[in-house]
């Protein structure tokens, strides 16, 4: 549980743990409670809201990795370039900067 969440809600308890963000997202959508989701999942879901007073904190780095023997193969380079540009074009969604609070 993020420390900021525990500070705002000290009597809260952890009822479930997930090692898969898609499963966590499904549980939160189903009403199981609150969850620490990456911005690109939580902010893009109109049925979820951010908890007030909790600022985005770094989640996990995104890595685009290939085997050294394949990195110069044209189709692999094209795929890596495409994925890299797609991530850069949506950087605000991954960092939480695309979020606009509800009035």
N, C-alpha and C. Protein backbone atom coordinates (compact mmCIF):
# COMPACT_ATOMS: atom_id res chain seq x y z
N UNK A 1 0.85 -1.17 0.00
CA UNK A 1 0.00 0.00 0.00
C UNK A 1 0.90 1.24 0.00
N UNK A 2 0.66 2.17 -0.92
CA UNK A 2 1.47 3.39 -0.93
C UNK A 2 1.37 4.13 0.41
N UNK A 3 2.48 4.66 0.87
CA UNK A 3 2.53 5.35 2.16
C UNK A 3 1.55 6.52 2.21
N UNK A 4 1.39 7.24 1.10
CA UNK A 4 0.45 8.38 1.08
C UNK A 4 -0.97 7.91 1.34
N UNK A 5 -1.33 6.76 0.81
CA UNK A 5 -2.68 6.22 1.03
C UNK A 5 -2.85 5.79 2.48
N UNK A 6 -1.84 5.14 3.03
CA UNK A 6 -1.92 4.72 4.43
C UNK A 6 -2.01 5.93 5.36
N UNK A 7 -1.31 7.01 5.03
CA UNK A 7 -1.35 8.22 5.86
C UNK A 7 -2.74 8.85 5.84
N UNK A 8 -3.39 8.86 4.69
CA UNK A 8 -4.73 9.45 4.60
C UNK A 8 -5.82 8.54 5.17
N UNK A 9 -5.59 7.24 5.11
CA UNK A 9 -6.59 6.27 5.56
C UNK A 9 -5.90 5.22 6.45
N UNK A 10 -5.49 5.62 7.66
CA UNK A 10 -4.69 4.73 8.51
C UNK A 10 -5.41 3.46 8.97
N UNK A 11 -6.73 3.46 8.95
CA UNK A 11 -7.47 2.28 9.41
C UNK A 11 -7.80 1.33 8.26
N UNK A 12 -7.35 1.65 7.06
CA UNK A 12 -7.61 0.76 5.93
C UNK A 12 -6.79 -0.51 6.07
N UNK A 13 -7.22 -1.55 5.38
CA UNK A 13 -6.47 -2.81 5.44
C UNK A 13 -6.37 -3.40 4.04
N UNK A 14 -5.37 -4.20 3.85
CA UNK A 14 -5.17 -4.88 2.58
C UNK A 14 -5.98 -6.17 2.62
N UNK A 15 -6.95 -6.29 1.71
CA UNK A 15 -7.81 -7.47 1.66
C UNK A 15 -7.33 -8.48 0.63
N UNK A 16 -6.70 -8.00 -0.43
CA UNK A 16 -6.21 -8.88 -1.49
C UNK A 16 -4.89 -8.33 -2.01
N UNK A 17 -4.09 -9.21 -2.57
CA UNK A 17 -2.84 -8.81 -3.21
C UNK A 17 -2.83 -9.41 -4.62
N UNK A 18 -2.29 -8.64 -5.55
CA UNK A 18 -2.23 -9.08 -6.94
C UNK A 18 -0.81 -8.90 -7.46
N UNK A 19 -0.39 -9.81 -8.31
CA UNK A 19 0.88 -9.64 -9.00
C UNK A 19 0.65 -9.38 -10.49
N UNK A 20 -0.58 -9.01 -10.81
CA UNK A 20 -0.97 -8.77 -12.20
C UNK A 20 -1.86 -7.53 -12.22
N UNK A 21 -1.40 -6.47 -12.93
CA UNK A 21 -2.16 -5.22 -12.92
C UNK A 21 -3.52 -5.35 -13.61
N UNK A 22 -3.65 -6.25 -14.56
CA UNK A 22 -4.93 -6.45 -15.24
C UNK A 22 -5.94 -7.08 -14.27
N UNK A 23 -5.48 -8.04 -13.47
CA UNK A 23 -6.35 -8.65 -12.47
C UNK A 23 -6.74 -7.64 -11.39
N UNK A 24 -5.79 -6.81 -10.97
CA UNK A 24 -6.09 -5.76 -9.99
C UNK A 24 -7.13 -4.79 -10.56
N UNK A 25 -6.95 -4.38 -11.80
CA UNK A 25 -7.89 -3.48 -12.46
C UNK A 25 -9.28 -4.10 -12.48
N UNK A 26 -9.38 -5.38 -12.81
CA UNK A 26 -10.67 -6.06 -12.85
C UNK A 26 -11.31 -6.10 -11.45
N UNK A 27 -10.50 -6.34 -10.42
CA UNK A 27 -11.04 -6.40 -9.06
C UNK A 27 -11.56 -5.03 -8.62
N UNK A 28 -10.83 -3.98 -8.91
CA UNK A 28 -11.27 -2.63 -8.56
C UNK A 28 -12.55 -2.29 -9.30
N UNK A 29 -12.60 -2.60 -10.59
CA UNK A 29 -13.82 -2.35 -11.39
C UNK A 29 -15.02 -3.12 -10.84
N UNK A 30 -14.77 -4.30 -10.28
CA UNK A 30 -15.84 -5.13 -9.74
C UNK A 30 -16.29 -4.67 -8.35
N UNK A 31 -15.61 -3.67 -7.78
CA UNK A 31 -16.02 -3.13 -6.50
C UNK A 31 -15.31 -3.73 -5.30
N UNK A 32 -14.18 -4.39 -5.51
CA UNK A 32 -13.46 -5.04 -4.41
C UNK A 32 -12.77 -4.04 -3.49
N UNK A 33 -12.67 -2.79 -3.90
CA UNK A 33 -12.01 -1.79 -3.07
C UNK A 33 -11.19 -0.85 -3.92
N UNK A 34 -10.18 -0.25 -3.31
CA UNK A 34 -9.29 0.65 -4.03
C UNK A 34 -8.04 -0.12 -4.43
N UNK A 35 -7.36 0.39 -5.43
CA UNK A 35 -6.14 -0.28 -5.88
C UNK A 35 -5.15 0.73 -6.42
N UNK A 36 -3.90 0.38 -6.30
CA UNK A 36 -2.80 1.19 -6.81
C UNK A 36 -2.54 0.75 -8.25
N UNK A 37 -3.13 1.49 -9.18
CA UNK A 37 -3.05 1.14 -10.61
C UNK A 37 -2.13 2.09 -11.36
N UNK A 38 -1.52 1.61 -12.42
CA UNK A 38 -0.78 2.53 -13.29
C UNK A 38 -1.76 3.52 -13.93
N UNK A 39 -1.30 4.73 -14.15
CA UNK A 39 -2.17 5.78 -14.69
C UNK A 39 -2.82 5.39 -16.01
N UNK A 40 -2.08 4.68 -16.88
CA UNK A 40 -2.66 4.35 -18.18
C UNK A 40 -3.86 3.42 -18.04
N UNK A 41 -3.98 2.67 -16.96
CA UNK A 41 -5.17 1.84 -16.74
C UNK A 41 -6.26 2.61 -16.00
N UNK A 42 -5.90 3.23 -14.91
CA UNK A 42 -6.90 3.91 -14.09
C UNK A 42 -7.49 5.14 -14.75
N UNK A 43 -6.64 5.99 -15.30
CA UNK A 43 -7.13 7.24 -15.89
C UNK A 43 -7.93 7.01 -17.17
N UNK A 44 -7.66 5.92 -17.86
CA UNK A 44 -8.38 5.68 -19.11
C UNK A 44 -9.70 4.95 -18.89
N UNK A 45 -10.01 4.62 -17.65
CA UNK A 45 -11.27 3.92 -17.32
C UNK A 45 -12.25 4.92 -16.72
N UNK A 46 -13.28 5.26 -17.48
CA UNK A 46 -14.26 6.26 -17.05
C UNK A 46 -15.05 5.83 -15.81
N UNK A 47 -15.04 4.55 -15.48
CA UNK A 47 -15.78 4.07 -14.31
C UNK A 47 -14.98 4.15 -13.02
N UNK A 48 -13.70 4.55 -13.11
CA UNK A 48 -12.86 4.66 -11.92
C UNK A 48 -12.49 6.11 -11.68
N UNK A 49 -12.23 6.44 -10.42
CA UNK A 49 -11.77 7.78 -10.07
C UNK A 49 -10.52 7.67 -9.21
N UNK A 50 -9.69 8.70 -9.27
CA UNK A 50 -8.52 8.75 -8.39
C UNK A 50 -8.98 9.14 -7.00
N UNK A 51 -8.29 8.61 -6.01
CA UNK A 51 -8.57 9.04 -4.64
C UNK A 51 -8.00 10.44 -4.45
N UNK A 52 -8.78 11.35 -3.88
CA UNK A 52 -8.27 12.70 -3.63
C UNK A 52 -7.08 12.66 -2.67
N UNK A 53 -6.10 13.53 -2.92
CA UNK A 53 -4.96 13.66 -2.04
C UNK A 53 -3.83 12.69 -2.32
N UNK A 54 -3.97 11.84 -3.31
CA UNK A 54 -2.91 10.88 -3.65
C UNK A 54 -2.32 11.29 -4.98
N UNK A 55 -1.08 11.74 -4.95
CA UNK A 55 -0.39 12.13 -6.18
C UNK A 55 0.18 10.88 -6.86
N UNK A 56 0.28 10.91 -8.18
CA UNK A 56 0.90 9.76 -8.87
C UNK A 56 2.33 9.56 -8.38
N UNK A 57 2.69 8.31 -8.20
CA UNK A 57 4.05 7.97 -7.85
C UNK A 57 4.58 7.00 -8.90
N UNK A 58 5.87 6.96 -9.11
CA UNK A 58 6.41 6.07 -10.14
C UNK A 58 5.96 4.62 -9.92
N UNK A 59 5.60 3.98 -10.99
CA UNK A 59 5.16 2.58 -10.94
C UNK A 59 6.33 1.70 -11.34
N UNK A 60 6.39 1.28 -12.56
CA UNK A 60 7.50 0.47 -13.05
C UNK A 60 7.99 1.05 -14.36
N UNK A 61 9.27 0.90 -14.64
CA UNK A 61 9.80 1.33 -15.92
C UNK A 61 9.25 0.46 -17.04
N UNK A 62 9.19 1.02 -18.23
CA UNK A 62 8.81 0.27 -19.43
C UNK A 62 10.08 -0.01 -20.20
N UNK A 63 10.32 -1.26 -20.49
CA UNK A 63 11.50 -1.66 -21.24
C UNK A 63 11.09 -2.26 -22.57
N UNK A 64 11.79 -1.86 -23.61
CA UNK A 64 11.64 -2.50 -24.91
C UNK A 64 12.96 -3.20 -25.16
N UNK A 65 12.94 -4.52 -25.09
CA UNK A 65 14.17 -5.30 -25.10
C UNK A 65 14.14 -6.32 -26.23
N UNK A 66 15.29 -6.55 -26.80
CA UNK A 66 15.46 -7.60 -27.79
C UNK A 66 16.81 -8.28 -27.59
N UNK A 67 16.92 -9.45 -28.11
CA UNK A 67 18.19 -10.18 -28.03
C UNK A 67 19.23 -9.44 -28.86
N UNK A 68 20.47 -9.33 -28.36
CA UNK A 68 21.51 -8.61 -29.11
C UNK A 68 21.69 -9.08 -30.55
N UNK A 69 21.49 -10.35 -30.79
CA UNK A 69 21.68 -10.86 -32.15
C UNK A 69 20.54 -10.45 -33.09
N UNK A 70 19.46 -9.93 -32.56
CA UNK A 70 18.31 -9.55 -33.39
C UNK A 70 18.12 -8.04 -33.53
N UNK A 71 18.83 -7.26 -32.74
CA UNK A 71 18.53 -5.83 -32.71
C UNK A 71 18.83 -5.10 -34.01
N UNK A 72 19.63 -5.66 -34.88
CA UNK A 72 19.92 -5.01 -36.16
C UNK A 72 19.07 -5.56 -37.30
N UNK A 73 18.22 -6.52 -37.04
CA UNK A 73 17.32 -7.07 -38.06
C UNK A 73 16.29 -5.98 -38.39
N UNK A 74 16.11 -5.64 -39.68
CA UNK A 74 15.23 -4.53 -40.04
C UNK A 74 13.82 -4.62 -39.46
N UNK A 75 13.19 -5.77 -39.48
CA UNK A 75 11.82 -5.86 -38.95
C UNK A 75 11.78 -5.66 -37.44
N UNK A 76 12.83 -6.10 -36.74
CA UNK A 76 12.90 -5.90 -35.28
C UNK A 76 13.15 -4.43 -34.99
N UNK A 77 14.05 -3.79 -35.74
CA UNK A 77 14.30 -2.35 -35.56
C UNK A 77 13.04 -1.54 -35.83
N UNK A 78 12.29 -1.92 -36.87
CA UNK A 78 11.05 -1.22 -37.20
C UNK A 78 10.03 -1.37 -36.07
N UNK A 79 9.94 -2.56 -35.53
CA UNK A 79 8.99 -2.80 -34.43
C UNK A 79 9.40 -1.99 -33.20
N UNK A 80 10.67 -2.01 -32.86
CA UNK A 80 11.14 -1.25 -31.69
C UNK A 80 10.93 0.25 -31.88
N UNK A 81 11.17 0.74 -33.09
CA UNK A 81 10.93 2.16 -33.36
C UNK A 81 9.45 2.50 -33.23
N UNK A 82 8.60 1.64 -33.75
CA UNK A 82 7.15 1.86 -33.66
C UNK A 82 6.68 1.88 -32.21
N UNK A 83 7.10 0.88 -31.44
CA UNK A 83 6.69 0.80 -30.03
C UNK A 83 7.24 1.99 -29.25
N UNK A 84 8.49 2.35 -29.47
CA UNK A 84 9.08 3.49 -28.78
C UNK A 84 8.35 4.78 -29.07
N UNK A 85 8.00 5.02 -30.34
CA UNK A 85 7.27 6.24 -30.70
C UNK A 85 5.86 6.23 -30.12
N UNK A 86 5.21 5.08 -30.13
CA UNK A 86 3.86 4.98 -29.56
C UNK A 86 3.88 5.32 -28.06
N UNK A 87 4.89 4.86 -27.37
CA UNK A 87 5.01 5.15 -25.93
C UNK A 87 5.31 6.63 -25.72
N UNK A 88 6.25 7.18 -26.49
CA UNK A 88 6.58 8.61 -26.35
C UNK A 88 5.36 9.49 -26.66
N UNK A 89 4.58 9.11 -27.68
CA UNK A 89 3.41 9.91 -28.07
C UNK A 89 2.34 9.93 -26.97
N UNK A 90 2.35 8.93 -26.12
CA UNK A 90 1.35 8.82 -25.05
C UNK A 90 2.00 8.97 -23.68
N UNK A 91 3.13 9.62 -23.62
CA UNK A 91 3.90 9.72 -22.37
C UNK A 91 3.06 10.29 -21.23
N UNK A 92 2.22 11.28 -21.51
CA UNK A 92 1.41 11.89 -20.45
C UNK A 92 0.45 10.89 -19.82
N UNK A 93 -0.02 9.93 -20.59
CA UNK A 93 -0.91 8.91 -20.05
C UNK A 93 -0.16 7.97 -19.10
N UNK A 94 1.11 7.71 -19.39
CA UNK A 94 1.90 6.83 -18.55
C UNK A 94 2.41 7.52 -17.29
N UNK A 95 2.57 8.84 -17.33
CA UNK A 95 3.10 9.57 -16.18
C UNK A 95 2.01 10.19 -15.31
N UNK A 96 0.76 10.11 -15.76
CA UNK A 96 -0.35 10.68 -15.00
C UNK A 96 -0.62 12.13 -15.33
N UNK A 97 0.12 12.71 -16.26
CA UNK A 97 -0.05 14.12 -16.60
C UNK A 97 -1.29 14.38 -17.45
N UNK A 98 -1.88 13.32 -18.02
CA UNK A 98 -3.06 13.51 -18.86
C UNK A 98 -4.34 13.59 -18.03
N UNK A 99 -4.22 13.37 -16.74
CA UNK A 99 -5.38 13.34 -15.86
C UNK A 99 -5.96 14.74 -15.65
N UNK A 100 -7.27 14.84 -15.73
CA UNK A 100 -7.97 16.06 -15.36
C UNK A 100 -9.00 15.69 -14.32
N UNK A 101 -8.95 16.35 -13.19
CA UNK A 101 -9.87 16.05 -12.11
C UNK A 101 -11.29 16.42 -12.47
N UNK A 102 -12.23 15.65 -11.97
CA UNK A 102 -13.65 15.94 -12.18
C UNK A 102 -14.01 17.21 -11.42
N UNK A 103 -14.92 18.02 -11.97
CA UNK A 103 -15.30 19.27 -11.29
C UNK A 103 -15.98 19.03 -9.97
